[in-house]
Amino acid sequence: MSNDQPTCDSCGGQLEFRVDGSAQGWYCPSCDTWAMVTTCLSAIATEPTVYHLFVVNGDPDNIEQMKAVSAASARNLIWSKKTLSSVDTEVVAGRAPEIAKAAEQLRASGISIRIEPEFPYAIS
């Protein structure tokens, strides 16, 4: 007899498929346990491309923007002020998750950015 919906070995209840962070698998809501779990990495986490993030423009006298550049680049405020004073300066190079985080920090402080090559992931 073929059953499309798997059942729990412990209680016989219907399992449901869930994704929780980087794990996915069959979960039993009756037992509150996972029946089978595998890794589920997002596309952005496995993207091998190295991206380059540039500051297009910002305000070198804005302390919040200086802090954002420092956080994104892991450099000091003096470097950040110089970066905001120049046009189209690379702030960070890295893989997609690092670039997405840096881009969000910079955009949240009102800094215009550019990413090369074209970044295929949404940034808030």
Protein backbone atom coordinates (compact mmCIF):
# COMPACT_ATOMS: atom_id res chain seq x y z
CA MET A 1 0.00 0.00 0.00
CA SER A 2 1.44 3.37 -1.04
CA ASN A 3 1.12 6.33 1.29
CA ASP A 4 2.13 9.76 -0.02
CA GLN A 5 2.37 11.31 3.46
CA PRO A 6 5.07 9.82 5.72
CA THR A 7 4.20 8.90 9.28
CA CYS A 8 6.16 9.10 12.53
CA ASP A 9 7.87 5.87 13.61
CA SER A 10 7.24 6.75 17.28
CA CYS A 11 3.58 7.78 17.38
CA GLY A 12 2.21 7.07 13.90
CA GLY A 13 1.23 10.71 13.39
CA GLN A 14 1.48 12.50 10.07
CA LEU A 15 4.86 14.12 9.42
CA GLU A 16 5.10 17.57 7.87
CA PHE A 17 7.96 18.93 5.82
CA ARG A 18 9.70 21.95 7.42
CA VAL A 19 12.61 24.24 6.73
CA ASP A 20 14.23 25.76 9.82
CA GLY A 21 17.30 27.91 9.17
CA SER A 22 19.85 25.72 7.39
CA ALA A 23 18.01 22.47 8.20
CA GLN A 24 15.13 20.82 6.41
CA GLY A 25 13.28 17.59 6.91
CA TRP A 26 10.26 15.75 8.21
CA TYR A 27 8.85 16.92 11.53
CA CYS A 28 6.28 15.28 13.79
CA PRO A 29 4.07 17.92 15.43
CA SER A 30 2.57 15.27 17.74
CA CYS A 31 5.94 14.24 19.21
CA ASP A 32 7.57 17.63 18.67
CA THR A 33 10.57 15.89 17.10
CA TRP A 34 12.38 15.77 13.80
CA ALA A 35 12.09 12.42 12.02
CA MET A 36 14.72 13.17 9.36
CA VAL A 37 16.89 16.24 8.90
CA THR A 38 19.25 17.32 6.13
CA THR A 39 21.16 20.50 5.37
CA CYS A 40 19.36 23.17 3.37
CA LEU A 41 21.69 25.99 2.38
CA SER A 42 20.32 29.00 0.57
CA ALA A 43 21.63 30.00 -2.85
CA ILE A 44 23.30 33.10 -1.38
CA ALA A 45 25.20 30.97 1.16
CA THR A 46 26.71 28.74 -1.53
CA GLU A 47 27.40 31.42 -4.16
CA PRO A 48 31.12 31.21 -5.07
CA THR A 49 31.43 34.61 -6.78
CA VAL A 50 33.59 37.30 -5.17
CA TYR A 51 31.78 40.63 -5.31
CA HIS A 52 33.18 44.14 -4.90
CA LEU A 53 31.15 46.79 -3.08
CA PHE A 54 31.86 50.46 -3.79
CA VAL A 55 30.66 53.63 -2.06
CA VAL A 56 29.29 55.88 -4.79
CA ASN A 57 28.58 58.83 -2.53
CA GLY A 58 28.17 59.67 1.11
CA ASP A 59 28.75 62.46 3.60
CA PRO A 60 32.25 62.47 5.16
CA ASP A 61 30.93 64.67 7.99
CA ASN A 62 28.12 62.27 8.91
CA ILE A 63 29.28 60.16 11.88
CA GLU A 64 26.59 57.50 11.29
CA GLN A 65 27.80 57.01 7.73
CA MET A 66 31.40 56.86 8.93
CA LYS A 67 30.42 54.17 11.46
CA ALA A 68 28.56 52.22 8.78
CA VAL A 69 31.59 52.25 6.48
CA SER A 70 33.82 51.20 9.39
CA ALA A 71 31.49 48.32 10.27
CA ALA A 72 31.20 47.16 6.66
CA SER A 73 34.92 47.40 5.93
CA ALA A 74 36.35 46.48 9.35
CA ARG A 75 38.51 49.61 9.15
CA ASN A 76 38.84 52.67 11.34
CA LEU A 77 36.88 55.94 11.20
CA ILE A 78 39.77 57.86 9.63
CA TRP A 79 39.77 55.47 6.66
CA SER A 80 35.97 55.67 6.52
CA LYS A 81 36.01 59.47 6.39
CA LYS A 82 38.53 59.37 3.52
CA THR A 83 36.41 56.79 1.73
CA LEU A 84 33.29 58.95 2.04
CA SER A 85 35.29 61.96 0.78
CA SER A 86 36.20 60.21 -2.47
CA VAL A 87 33.95 58.97 -5.23
CA ASP A 88 33.45 55.31 -6.13
CA THR A 89 35.80 53.73 -3.59
CA GLU A 90 35.84 49.99 -2.92
CA VAL A 91 34.81 49.30 0.67
CA VAL A 92 34.78 45.52 0.77
CA ALA A 93 35.28 42.49 -1.44
CA GLY A 94 33.80 39.15 -0.51
CA ARG A 95 31.22 36.48 -1.09
CA ALA A 96 27.51 37.20 -1.36
CA PRO A 97 26.50 36.93 2.35
CA GLU A 98 29.22 39.39 3.41
CA ILE A 99 28.36 41.79 0.59
CA ALA A 100 24.63 41.65 1.38
CA LYS A 101 25.28 42.48 5.04
CA ALA A 102 27.62 45.35 4.18
CA ALA A 103 25.21 46.70 1.56
CA GLU A 104 22.35 46.71 4.07
CA GLN A 105 24.48 48.56 6.65
CA LEU A 106 25.56 51.19 4.15
CA ARG A 107 22.15 51.74 2.57
CA ALA A 108 20.52 52.01 6.02
CA SER A 109 22.78 54.99 6.75
CA GLY A 110 21.91 56.69 3.44
CA ILE A 111 25.05 55.79 1.50
CA SER A 112 24.75 55.07 -2.23
CA ILE A 113 26.58 51.92 -3.29
CA ARG A 114 27.52 49.91 -6.38
CA ILE A 115 28.31 46.19 -6.52
CA GLU A 116 30.34 44.41 -9.21
CA PRO A 117 29.63 42.04 -10.80
CA GLU A 118 25.87 42.58 -10.79
CA PHE A 119 24.47 41.34 -7.49
CA PRO A 120 21.54 38.93 -8.10
CA TYR A 121 20.18 39.00 -4.53
CA ALA A 122 17.70 41.45 -3.01
CA ILE A 123 19.09 43.93 -0.49
CA SER A 124 16.78 45.73 1.89
